[in-house]
């Protein structure tokens, strides 16, 4: 069993920063890709950012590009999301996701990830 646990969410004001963390635990697990998704009330889960370990490639949704930075430690199966210049539109539950293999452009699709965390609430007030 693999567990992903997010931390670092909270309530901030517009323009503030937050850093989310996600760590995997449980059985021996080697991820090929880890990512962040978010889901706002009444909306579908959407891609935020991902990192592909083998190439060190990072991917971002257009809505967060230039404001959010994904990083991590492959050996620890840990991933972080530094979020700057937050706006109320960033308010959502943020989920960490991981998968043991990578296939073409899979990073964008939630259904392609096999492991998920429980989510961390991020609320940005105006």
Foldseek 3Di string as FASTA:
>chain_A
DKAKAKDWADEEAAQAKTKMKIFIDDPDAAFQKKAKWWDDPPGDIFGAKMAGPVVRDIDGDPVQPPFKDKDADRVGRMIMIIGGRDDQVPWTWMKMFTARDDDPPCNGDPVSTDYIHPTGTHGYHD
